[in-house]
């Protein structure tokens, strides 16, 4: 029996084309941030990471909150760089090769 899982690329495309008020689950956010859902769970438990909302047991992330979170991350140019916050704008952030 084959389970049809949504590919990472499909999740990223869905995220990019959605309105800013759209809510996404942790699988989509993990694809966007290129991390595991376990890491997202750990960040929620520790009170860190992307702001989220809970509806019942379901954890959801609003696209505009994800983009704001990414805007606050420091940009590093080398391993010795201390990093700086650079607002690159929402449109240029999600570029994948």
Protein backbone atom coordinates (compact mmCIF):
# COMPACT_ATOMS: atom_id res chain seq x y z
CA UNK A 1 0.00 0.00 0.00
CA UNK A 2 1.44 3.35 -1.05
CA UNK A 3 0.78 6.49 0.94
CA UNK A 4 0.83 9.65 -1.17
CA UNK A 5 2.91 12.13 0.84
CA UNK A 6 3.21 15.71 -0.27
CA UNK A 7 6.74 16.45 -1.42
CA UNK A 8 8.82 19.18 0.15
CA UNK A 9 8.76 21.14 -3.10
CA UNK A 10 4.96 20.97 -3.23
CA UNK A 11 4.73 22.22 0.36
CA UNK A 12 7.10 25.11 -0.39
CA UNK A 13 5.15 26.08 -3.52
CA UNK A 14 1.88 25.95 -1.58
CA UNK A 15 3.38 28.18 1.12
CA UNK A 16 4.77 30.73 -1.33
CA UNK A 17 1.53 31.10 -3.27
CA UNK A 18 -0.76 31.35 -0.22
CA UNK A 19 -2.10 34.62 1.24
CA UNK A 20 -0.30 35.95 4.33
CA UNK A 21 -3.18 34.98 6.64
CA UNK A 22 -3.07 31.28 5.68
CA UNK A 23 -2.46 28.73 8.43
CA UNK A 24 -0.02 25.86 7.89
CA UNK A 25 0.74 22.71 9.86
CA UNK A 26 4.14 21.75 11.22
CA UNK A 27 4.91 19.50 8.23
CA UNK A 28 4.76 22.50 5.91
CA UNK A 29 6.78 24.65 8.29
CA UNK A 30 9.43 21.93 8.61
CA UNK A 31 9.70 21.90 4.80
CA UNK A 32 10.04 25.70 4.70
CA UNK A 33 12.70 25.79 7.44
CA UNK A 34 14.39 22.58 6.24
CA UNK A 35 14.19 21.02 9.70
CA UNK A 36 12.38 18.16 11.40
CA UNK A 37 8.97 18.33 13.03
CA UNK A 38 10.69 17.13 16.23
CA UNK A 39 12.83 20.29 16.24
CA UNK A 40 9.69 22.42 15.87
CA UNK A 41 8.11 20.53 18.79
CA UNK A 42 11.24 21.14 20.88
CA UNK A 43 11.17 24.87 20.09
CA UNK A 44 7.50 25.07 21.07
CA UNK A 45 8.21 23.26 24.34
CA UNK A 46 11.13 25.63 25.05
CA UNK A 47 9.09 28.74 24.18
CA UNK A 48 11.30 29.53 21.19
CA UNK A 49 10.93 29.59 17.44
CA UNK A 50 8.03 30.61 15.24
CA UNK A 51 4.87 31.83 17.01
CA UNK A 52 2.01 29.37 16.63
CA UNK A 53 -1.64 28.96 17.46
CA UNK A 54 -3.43 25.90 18.79
CA UNK A 55 -6.91 24.88 17.79
CA UNK A 56 -7.74 21.88 19.93
CA UNK A 57 -4.73 19.61 19.55
CA UNK A 58 -3.76 21.01 16.17
CA UNK A 59 -0.71 23.32 16.03
CA UNK A 60 -0.79 25.85 13.20
CA UNK A 61 1.53 28.56 11.96
CA UNK A 62 0.32 31.73 10.21
CA UNK A 63 2.34 32.56 7.09
CA UNK A 64 2.87 36.21 8.10
CA UNK A 65 4.28 35.07 11.48
CA UNK A 66 6.67 32.68 9.73
CA UNK A 67 7.89 35.45 7.43
CA UNK A 68 8.31 37.87 10.35
CA UNK A 69 10.28 35.22 12.26
CA UNK A 70 12.59 34.70 9.27
CA UNK A 71 13.11 38.46 8.96
CA UNK A 72 14.43 38.54 12.54
CA UNK A 73 17.10 35.89 11.96
CA UNK A 74 20.69 37.01 11.68
CA UNK A 75 22.47 36.68 8.36
CA UNK A 76 25.99 35.23 8.52
CA UNK A 77 28.53 35.62 5.74
CA UNK A 78 31.25 33.47 7.29
CA UNK A 79 31.80 31.35 10.38
CA UNK A 80 33.71 34.20 12.04
CA UNK A 81 30.95 36.73 11.28
CA UNK A 82 28.87 37.91 14.25
CA UNK A 83 25.84 38.20 12.01
CA UNK A 84 23.41 41.01 11.46
CA UNK A 85 19.69 41.28 11.00
CA UNK A 86 18.97 42.14 7.39
CA UNK A 87 15.45 42.78 6.21
CA UNK A 88 15.45 41.32 2.75
CA UNK A 89 11.72 41.59 2.20
CA UNK A 90 9.28 38.71 2.07
CA UNK A 91 9.53 38.12 -1.68
CA UNK A 92 13.23 37.32 -1.85
CA UNK A 93 13.44 35.11 1.23
CA UNK A 94 12.29 31.73 -0.09
CA UNK A 95 14.61 31.11 -3.00
CA UNK A 96 15.69 27.50 -3.39
CA UNK A 97 18.05 26.00 -5.90
